[in-house]
Amino acid sequence: MKIRRSSIRFVTASLLPLSLLLAGCGDDSAAANARPGRPPAVVELAPVQQGSFDAAVRFVGRLEAESSAELTARTDGPITAVYAGSGDRVRRGQLLAQIDPAEAQQQVNQAQAALRMSEATVNQRRASLELSRSNASRSQSLFSERLLSQSDLDMVQGELSTAASQLELARAQVEQARASLNSARLQLEQTRVVSPFDGHVGTRHLDLGARATSNTPIFTVVDLSTIRIKFSIPARDAVHIRPSQPAVITVDAIPGREFTGTVSRISSVFDPRTNTVEAEVEVNNPDGALKPGMFGSVRIAYKTNPTALLVPTSAIQRSAQEQWLFIAEDPGGKGLVARRVSLRVLESAGTATSQVAVEPIEGTLTDGANVIVLGQEKLSDGAPIVDAASVKSKKEGR
């Protein structure tokens, strides 16, 4: 089989930079131990450091207003006035809109007139009762003197009883008229749409001139002074979370800003389908920056480790199942090799840094060990390596 000279020149040219790099190592023992055709990988190293670390867990949830109310029409009629729009700040009891009150006002006027008539009837019945009592007293005297028959006395006493009953009926009619008036006044009040608490208008559903019908939404009012964020805690993290713990909330919509909150509620029952428990964090929101409907990240610190192992984030390798890094070892002084360490990356309670705390699962990781931060993508456990810093220093020393 013939091989073209151009192909040979291409391969030779491709290997030339690597040969020059390895030539700078001189008699580097790692190069000497490399298998034929597999030169040591050139990598960059950084030391493991020991330091204080606040371990934390992180969750994602959706923001909700502490108080939210959908104001619906409680009576029918056209909207004759609108006093607030979406986003406006409102106070408790503030009038937001007016539904045409004409019909309700007419009902109030009629109820007031009916009450006055009932009260007049009571006065009339009271006077009739007094007259009947006077007649009954005189009739009793006449009957005692044998000047009045028993039948006439019975008639007079019957009139007295009837007058008393008519007065009680008139008084009952007054109470009924008062109840009707209160109902009419309530109907009139229901033409006024008012805010139930201090907050903001989230949405205005109807505009001036629209016809409101019973149970039709007109406004949504939310209290933004306190925001809740609900999230699910996996069983493995539930042991770290308790009420009153401080929490830090961040949202993508407000980059660079953190909000401080407190764990307010933790359910006592796990969902058997997901093996999670529901929790809430309350956050003060005095400037209204946080809005209901946003998605946020909740970070809760649960312990401080003063002797945590810290490594550069660039050293961490990840797959769907695990996380790991490589350390540089020189077994028996025969040259550097890469050793794989399986580990768990701990969630930091602070702001993002160039270092993360880790806990080794398989393998050994100690303070001062050198981890590979560049060039480790295709390494395997035990692969020969060469420190790029030593290569550079040897080249510069020539």
Protein backbone atom coordinates (compact mmCIF):
# COMPACT_ATOMS: atom_id res chain seq x y z
CA MET A 1 0.00 0.00 0.00
CA LYS A 2 1.38 3.40 -0.96
CA ILE A 3 1.27 6.35 1.44
CA ARG A 4 1.30 9.83 0.01
CA ARG A 5 4.17 12.00 1.15
CA SER A 6 1.79 14.92 1.72
CA SER A 7 -0.03 12.89 4.39
CA ILE A 8 3.23 12.08 6.14
CA ARG A 9 4.21 15.73 6.15
CA PHE A 10 0.79 16.64 7.63
CA VAL A 11 1.11 14.16 10.50
CA THR A 12 4.68 15.22 11.20
CA ALA A 13 3.69 18.87 11.29
CA SER A 14 0.77 18.10 13.63
CA LEU A 15 2.98 16.35 16.15
CA LEU A 16 5.76 18.95 16.07
CA PRO A 17 4.28 21.40 18.67
CA LEU A 18 3.62 18.58 21.13
CA SER A 19 7.14 17.22 20.61
CA LEU A 20 8.61 20.64 21.31
CA LEU A 21 6.53 20.95 24.47
CA LEU A 22 7.65 17.56 25.76
CA ALA A 23 11.25 18.30 24.78
CA GLY A 24 11.13 21.16 27.24
CA CYS A 25 10.58 18.63 30.02
CA GLY A 26 14.08 17.24 29.56
CA ASP A 27 14.18 13.94 31.40
CA ASP A 28 10.77 14.40 33.03
CA SER A 29 9.97 11.13 34.74
CA ALA A 30 6.28 11.29 33.76
CA ALA A 31 7.31 11.37 30.11
CA ALA A 32 9.63 8.46 30.68
CA ASN A 33 6.86 6.41 32.19
CA ALA A 34 4.33 7.22 29.45
CA ARG A 35 3.32 4.35 27.22
CA PRO A 36 4.53 4.53 23.62
CA GLY A 37 2.16 6.61 21.52
CA ARG A 38 0.49 8.18 24.54
CA PRO A 39 2.45 11.17 25.84
CA PRO A 40 1.51 12.68 29.24
CA ALA A 41 -1.29 15.20 29.20
CA VAL A 42 -0.24 18.77 29.97
CA VAL A 43 -2.43 20.12 32.78
CA GLU A 44 -2.68 23.06 35.12
CA LEU A 45 -2.80 22.50 38.87
CA ALA A 46 -4.15 24.39 41.87
CA PRO A 47 -3.95 23.50 45.57
CA VAL A 48 -6.82 22.37 47.77
CA GLN A 49 -7.38 24.90 50.54
CA GLN A 50 -8.98 24.52 53.93
CA GLY A 51 -11.32 27.25 55.11
CA SER A 52 -14.64 28.19 56.66
CA PHE A 53 -17.71 27.33 54.65
CA ASP A 54 -21.42 27.85 55.27
CA ALA A 55 -23.20 24.77 53.94
CA ALA A 56 -26.62 25.44 52.46
CA VAL A 57 -29.41 23.88 50.46
CA ARG A 58 -31.14 25.52 47.53
CA PHE A 59 -34.71 25.27 46.28
CA VAL A 60 -36.77 26.85 43.52
CA GLY A 61 -40.28 28.16 44.07
CA ARG A 62 -42.90 30.62 42.86
CA LEU A 63 -43.58 33.95 44.53
CA GLU A 64 -47.03 34.76 45.88
CA ALA A 65 -48.50 37.79 47.61
CA GLU A 66 -49.15 37.40 51.33
CA SER A 67 -52.69 38.74 50.73
CA SER A 68 -54.56 38.72 47.44
CA ALA A 69 -58.24 39.45 46.80
CA GLU A 70 -60.33 39.31 43.65
CA LEU A 71 -63.02 41.98 43.97
CA THR A 72 -66.20 40.90 42.21
CA ALA A 73 -69.42 42.77 41.58
CA ARG A 74 -72.12 42.05 44.14
CA THR A 75 -74.85 43.76 42.16
CA ASP A 76 -75.70 44.36 38.52
CA GLY A 77 -75.31 47.62 36.64
CA PRO A 78 -73.00 49.73 34.48
CA ILE A 79 -69.76 51.07 35.95
CA THR A 80 -70.23 54.84 36.20
CA ALA A 81 -66.84 55.77 37.69
CA VAL A 82 -63.35 54.22 37.95
CA TYR A 83 -60.81 55.61 40.42
CA ALA A 84 -57.83 53.20 40.15
CA GLY A 85 -55.89 51.29 37.53
CA SER A 86 -53.40 48.42 37.37
CA GLY A 87 -50.31 49.08 39.47
CA ASP A 88 -51.85 51.86 41.57
CA ARG A 89 -51.23 51.82 45.29
CA VAL A 90 -54.48 51.76 47.27
CA ARG A 91 -55.53 52.01 50.90
CA ARG A 92 -57.99 49.96 52.89
CA GLY A 93 -61.54 51.24 52.30
CA GLN A 94 -60.52 53.33 49.30
CA LEU A 95 -63.21 53.59 46.60
CA LEU A 96 -61.94 51.95 43.41
CA ALA A 97 -65.06 51.97 41.22
CA GLN A 98 -68.74 52.88 41.34
CA ILE A 99 -71.54 50.80 39.86
CA ASP A 100 -74.64 52.81 38.92
CA PRO A 101 -76.39 53.38 42.27
CA ALA A 102 -79.68 54.84 40.96
CA GLU A 103 -81.80 51.71 41.37
CA ALA A 104 -80.31 50.86 44.75
CA GLN A 105 -80.84 54.43 45.94
CA GLN A 106 -84.50 54.25 44.91
CA GLN A 107 -84.88 51.08 46.97
CA VAL A 108 -83.39 52.90 49.96
CA ASN A 109 -85.83 55.80 49.52
CA GLN A 110 -88.79 53.42 49.37
CA ALA A 111 -87.61 51.55 52.46
CA GLN A 112 -87.22 54.79 54.37
CA ALA A 113 -90.77 55.81 53.46
CA ALA A 114 -92.13 52.42 54.52
CA LEU A 115 -90.34 52.74 57.86
CA ARG A 116 -91.84 56.16 58.48
CA MET A 117 -95.33 54.79 57.73
CA SER A 118 -94.77 51.88 60.10
CA GLU A 119 -93.60 54.19 62.87
CA ALA A 120 -96.70 56.38 62.36
CA THR A 121 -98.90 53.31 62.58
CA VAL A 122 -97.25 52.40 65.89
CA ASN A 123 -98.08 55.84 67.27
CA GLN A 124 -101.67 55.46 66.10
CA ARG A 125 -101.99 51.99 67.62
CA ARG A 126 -100.48 53.20 70.87
CA ALA A 127 -103.13 55.96 71.13
CA SER A 128 -105.88 53.46 70.39
CA LEU A 129 -104.58 51.19 73.14
CA GLU A 130 -104.60 54.02 75.67
CA LEU A 131 -108.20 54.84 74.74
CA SER A 132 -109.23 51.20 75.05
CA ARG A 133 -107.60 50.99 78.48
CA SER A 134 -109.51 54.08 79.62
CA ASN A 135 -112.81 52.65 78.36
CA ALA A 136 -112.12 49.32 80.02
CA SER A 137 -111.39 51.03 83.35
CA ARG A 138 -114.68 52.99 83.25
CA SER A 139 -116.63 49.92 82.18
CA GLN A 140 -115.23 47.95 85.08
CA SER A 141 -116.42 50.64 87.53
CA LEU A 142 -119.88 50.67 85.97
CA PHE A 143 -120.03 46.90 86.08
CA SER A 144 -119.11 46.98 89.80
CA GLU A 145 -122.05 49.37 90.43
CA ARG A 146 -124.28 47.06 88.40
CA LEU A 147 -124.77 49.81 85.81
CA LEU A 148 -123.20 47.75 82.98
CA SER A 149 -123.98 44.25 81.85
CA GLN A 150 -121.46 41.45 81.67
CA SER A 151 -121.76 41.27 77.90
CA ASP A 152 -120.99 44.97 77.52
CA LEU A 153 -117.97 44.61 79.81
CA ASP A 154 -116.74 41.64 77.79
CA MET A 155 -117.02 43.69 74.60
CA VAL A 156 -114.97 46.54 76.04
CA GLN A 157 -112.28 44.17 77.30
CA GLY A 158 -112.19 42.49 73.90
CA GLU A 159 -111.55 45.86 72.29
CA LEU A 160 -108.69 46.42 74.75
CA SER A 161 -107.12 43.09 73.82
CA THR A 162 -107.49 43.84 70.11
CA ALA A 163 -105.85 47.26 70.53
CA ALA A 164 -102.89 45.67 72.34
CA SER A 165 -102.47 43.10 69.58
CA GLN A 166 -102.63 45.77 66.89
CA LEU A 167 -99.88 47.71 68.65
CA GLU A 168 -97.63 44.64 68.77
CA LEU A 169 -98.31 44.04 65.09
CA ALA A 170 -97.44 47.65 64.26
CA ARG A 171 -94.20 47.36 66.22
CA ALA A 172 -93.29 44.18 64.32
CA GLN A 173 -93.97 46.00 61.07
CA VAL A 174 -91.53 48.72 62.17
CA GLU A 175 -88.80 46.10 62.73
CA GLN A 176 -89.55 44.62 59.35
CA ALA A 177 -89.34 48.04 57.71
CA ARG A 178 -86.01 48.69 59.43
CA ALA A 179 -84.65 45.37 58.18
CA SER A 180 -85.80 46.22 54.66
CA LEU A 181 -84.08 49.60 54.93
CA ASN A 182 -80.82 47.97 56.09
CA SER A 183 -81.00 45.53 53.19
CA ALA A 184 -81.58 48.38 50.74
CA ARG A 185 -78.67 50.31 52.21
CA LEU A 186 -76.46 47.20 51.87
CA GLN A 187 -77.45 46.92 48.22
CA LEU A 188 -76.52 50.56 47.79
CA GLU A 189 -73.17 50.00 49.53
CA GLN A 190 -72.50 47.06 47.21
CA THR A 191 -72.47 49.43 44.25
CA ARG A 192 -69.20 50.77 45.72
CA VAL A 193 -66.09 48.68 44.99
CA VAL A 194 -63.55 49.33 47.76
CA SER A 195 -60.13 47.93 48.63
CA PRO A 196 -60.19 45.41 51.51
CA PHE A 197 -56.60 46.23 52.60
CA ASP A 198 -53.57 48.35 51.83
CA GLY A 199 -51.86 47.15 48.69
CA HIS A 200 -51.66 47.53 44.93
CA VAL A 201 -54.10 46.96 42.10
CA GLY A 202 -52.78 43.89 40.33
CA THR A 203 -55.35 43.89 37.51
CA ARG A 204 -58.36 45.99 36.52
CA HIS A 205 -60.74 43.69 34.68
CA LEU A 206 -63.52 46.15 33.71
CA ASP A 207 -63.37 49.71 32.45
CA LEU A 208 -65.66 52.71 32.66
CA GLY A 209 -69.03 52.02 31.01
CA ALA A 210 -68.75 48.23 31.16
CA ARG A 211 -71.69 46.40 32.69
CA ALA A 212 -70.93 44.54 35.88
CA THR A 213 -72.91 41.46 36.81
CA SER A 214 -72.90 39.52 40.06
CA ASN A 215 -69.62 37.65 40.66
CA THR A 216 -67.90 39.35 37.70
CA PRO A 217 -64.25 40.24 38.60
CA ILE A 218 -63.58 43.96 38.56
CA PHE A 219 -60.22 44.31 40.36
CA THR A 220 -57.49 42.09 41.78
CA VAL A 221 -55.78 43.71 44.75
CA VAL A 222 -52.54 42.35 46.23
CA ASP A 223 -50.54 43.22 49.31
CA LEU A 224 -46.89 43.37 48.19
CA SER A 225 -45.41 44.38 51.56
CA THR A 226 -44.79 40.70 52.32
CA ILE A 227 -44.10 38.04 49.71
CA ARG A 228 -44.28 34.29 50.19
CA ILE A 229 -42.31 31.77 48.18
CA LYS A 230 -43.51 28.17 48.27
CA PHE A 231 -41.20 25.26 47.47
CA SER A 232 -40.81 21.51 47.96
CA ILE A 233 -38.09 20.00 50.17
CA PRO A 234 -36.76 16.52 49.30
CA ALA A 235 -36.59 14.08 52.20
CA ARG A 236 -32.77 14.15 52.26
CA ASP A 237 -32.77 17.91 52.91
CA ALA A 238 -35.77 18.14 55.23
CA VAL A 239 -33.61 17.40 58.28
CA HIS A 240 -31.72 20.66 57.68
CA ILE A 241 -34.79 22.96 57.53
CA ARG A 242 -36.78 24.29 60.47
CA PRO A 243 -39.13 27.26 61.06
CA SER A 244 -37.55 30.66 61.77
CA GLN A 245 -34.38 29.82 59.83
CA PRO A 246 -33.07 32.74 57.77
CA ALA A 247 -33.19 32.37 54.01
CA VAL A 248 -31.81 34.30 51.05
CA ILE A 249 -33.96 34.71 47.94
CA THR A 250 -32.77 35.67 44.47
CA VAL A 251 -34.78 36.05 41.27
CA ASP A 252 -33.51 36.09 37.71
CA ALA A 253 -35.64 39.15 36.96
CA ILE A 254 -33.64 41.21 39.49
CA PRO A 255 -29.99 40.21 38.92
CA GLY A 256 -27.40 41.10 41.55
CA ARG A 257 -29.88 41.60 44.37
CA GLU A 258 -30.58 39.35 47.34
CA PHE A 259 -33.64 39.43 49.61
CA THR A 260 -33.62 38.18 53.18
CA GLY A 261 -36.53 36.11 54.46
CA THR A 262 -37.51 33.59 57.12
CA VAL A 263 -38.85 30.06 56.93
CA SER A 264 -42.44 30.55 58.09
CA ARG A 265 -44.12 27.18 57.54
CA ILE A 266 -43.13 23.56 56.99
CA SER A 267 -45.75 20.91 56.39
CA SER A 268 -45.72 17.96 58.75
CA VAL A 269 -46.82 15.52 56.02
CA PHE A 270 -44.70 14.24 53.13
CA ASP A 271 -46.19 13.74 49.69
CA PRO A 272 -45.85 9.96 49.12
CA ARG A 273 -45.68 10.44 45.36
CA THR A 274 -42.66 12.77 45.38
CA ASN A 275 -41.23 12.14 48.86
CA THR A 276 -41.16 15.89 49.45
CA VAL A 277 -42.63 18.23 52.02
CA GLU A 278 -44.03 21.71 51.31
CA ALA A 279 -42.51 24.80 52.93
CA GLU A 280 -42.85 28.59 52.74
CA VAL A 281 -40.50 31.51 53.23
CA GLU A 282 -41.77 35.02 54.00
CA VAL A 283 -39.84 37.99 52.62
CA ASN A 284 -40.27 41.65 53.48
CA ASN A 285 -40.81 43.59 50.27
CA PRO A 286 -41.14 47.26 51.27
CA ASP A 287 -40.28 48.67 47.84
CA GLY A 288 -42.46 46.18 45.95
CA ALA A 289 -39.58 44.91 43.83
CA LEU A 290 -40.69 41.30 44.18
CA LYS A 291 -43.83 40.51 42.19
CA PRO A 292 -46.26 37.60 42.50
CA GLY A 293 -45.74 35.05 39.75
CA MET A 294 -41.95 35.40 39.62
CA PHE A 295 -39.82 32.31 40.10
CA GLY A 296 -37.13 32.56 42.73
CA SER A 297 -34.28 30.61 44.26
CA VAL A 298 -34.29 30.00 48.02
CA ARG A 299 -30.94 29.40 49.72
CA ILE A 300 -30.97 28.25 53.36
CA ALA A 301 -27.74 27.85 55.33
CA TYR A 302 -27.86 25.04 57.86
CA LYS A 303 -24.32 24.70 59.27
CA THR A 304 -20.85 26.26 59.25
CA ASN A 305 -17.82 24.05 58.62
CA PRO A 306 -14.63 25.84 59.74
CA THR A 307 -12.35 23.22 58.12
CA ALA A 308 -14.05 22.64 54.78
CA LEU A 309 -12.05 21.55 51.74
CA LEU A 310 -12.22 24.26 49.08
CA VAL A 311 -11.34 23.67 45.43
CA PRO A 312 -11.61 25.84 42.32
CA THR A 313 -14.90 25.43 40.49
CA SER A 314 -12.99 24.72 37.27
CA ALA A 315 -11.71 21.45 38.79
CA ILE A 316 -15.18 19.93 39.05
CA GLN A 317 -16.32 17.43 36.40
CA ARG A 318 -19.97 16.41 36.20
CA SER A 319 -22.24 13.84 34.66
CA ALA A 320 -25.90 13.08 35.20
CA GLN A 321 -25.03 10.56 37.93
CA GLU A 322 -21.96 11.93 39.72
CA GLN A 323 -19.34 14.64 40.26
CA TRP A 324 -15.59 14.21 40.45
CA LEU A 325 -12.17 15.82 40.05
CA PHE A 326 -8.60 14.68 39.46
CA ILE A 327 -5.66 15.20 41.78
CA ALA A 328 -2.01 15.00 40.77
CA GLU A 329 0.01 12.26 42.52
CA ASP A 330 3.60 11.13 42.17
CA PRO A 331 3.64 7.52 43.36
CA GLY A 332 7.15 6.37 44.19
CA GLY A 333 8.70 9.40 42.52
CA LYS A 334 8.12 7.95 39.04
CA GLY A 335 6.21 10.89 37.62
CA LEU A 336 2.83 12.56 38.00
CA VAL A 337 -0.37 10.66 37.38
CA ALA A 338 -4.03 11.72 37.64
CA ARG A 339 -6.11 10.16 40.43
CA ARG A 340 -9.89 10.33 40.20
CA VAL A 341 -11.79 11.41 43.32
CA SER A 342 -15.58 11.03 43.37
CA LEU A 343 -17.18 13.72 45.53
CA ARG A 344 -20.20 15.75 46.50
CA VAL A 345 -20.21 19.49 45.88
CA LEU A 346 -21.73 21.41 48.79
CA GLU A 347 -24.08 24.31 48.15
CA SER A 348 -22.61 27.59 49.36
CA ALA A 349 -24.65 29.95 51.55
CA GLY A 350 -22.70 32.95 50.28
CA THR A 351 -22.48 34.66 46.93
CA ALA A 352 -20.96 32.89 43.96
CA THR A 353 -17.16 32.57 44.16
CA SER A 354 -14.41 30.81 42.23
CA GLN A 355 -14.25 28.10 44.91
CA VAL A 356 -16.63 25.44 46.15
CA ALA A 357 -16.57 23.16 49.15
CA VAL A 358 -16.53 19.43 48.50
CA GLU A 359 -16.81 16.16 50.39
CA PRO A 360 -14.94 13.14 48.93
CA ILE A 361 -17.02 10.01 48.41
CA GLU A 362 -14.43 7.72 46.80
CA GLY A 363 -10.78 8.55 46.92
CA THR A 364 -8.68 10.80 49.15
CA LEU A 365 -8.65 14.59 49.17
CA THR A 366 -6.55 16.56 51.66
CA ASP A 367 -5.57 20.12 52.34
CA GLY A 368 -2.68 21.14 50.07
CA ALA A 369 -3.25 18.43 47.47
CA ASN A 370 -2.98 19.61 43.87
CA VAL A 371 -6.15 19.32 41.78
CA ILE A 372 -6.26 19.55 38.01
CA VAL A 373 -8.10 22.67 36.87
CA LEU A 374 -7.30 22.62 33.14
CA GLY A 375 -6.74 19.78 30.71
CA GLN A 376 -8.65 17.12 32.65
CA GLU A 377 -11.54 16.62 30.24
CA LYS A 378 -10.20 13.42 28.66
CA LEU A 379 -8.22 12.06 31.59
CA SER A 380 -8.77 8.67 33.18
CA ASP A 381 -7.67 7.35 36.54
CA GLY A 382 -3.91 6.73 36.54
CA ALA A 383 -3.21 8.61 33.30
CA PRO A 384 0.26 10.24 33.15
CA ILE A 385 0.29 14.02 33.33
CA VAL A 386 2.73 16.87 33.21
CA ASP A 387 2.40 20.17 35.07
CA ALA A 388 2.23 23.04 32.60
CA ALA A 389 3.98 25.32 35.11
CA SER A 390 7.04 23.05 35.28
CA VAL A 391 7.16 22.82 31.50
CA LYS A 392 7.12 26.60 31.25
CA SER A 393 9.82 27.09 33.88
CA LYS A 394 12.17 24.58 32.19
CA LYS A 395 11.70 26.25 28.85
CA GLU A 396 12.41 29.66 30.32
CA GLY A 397 15.53 28.32 32.09
CA ARG A 398 17.18 27.30 28.86
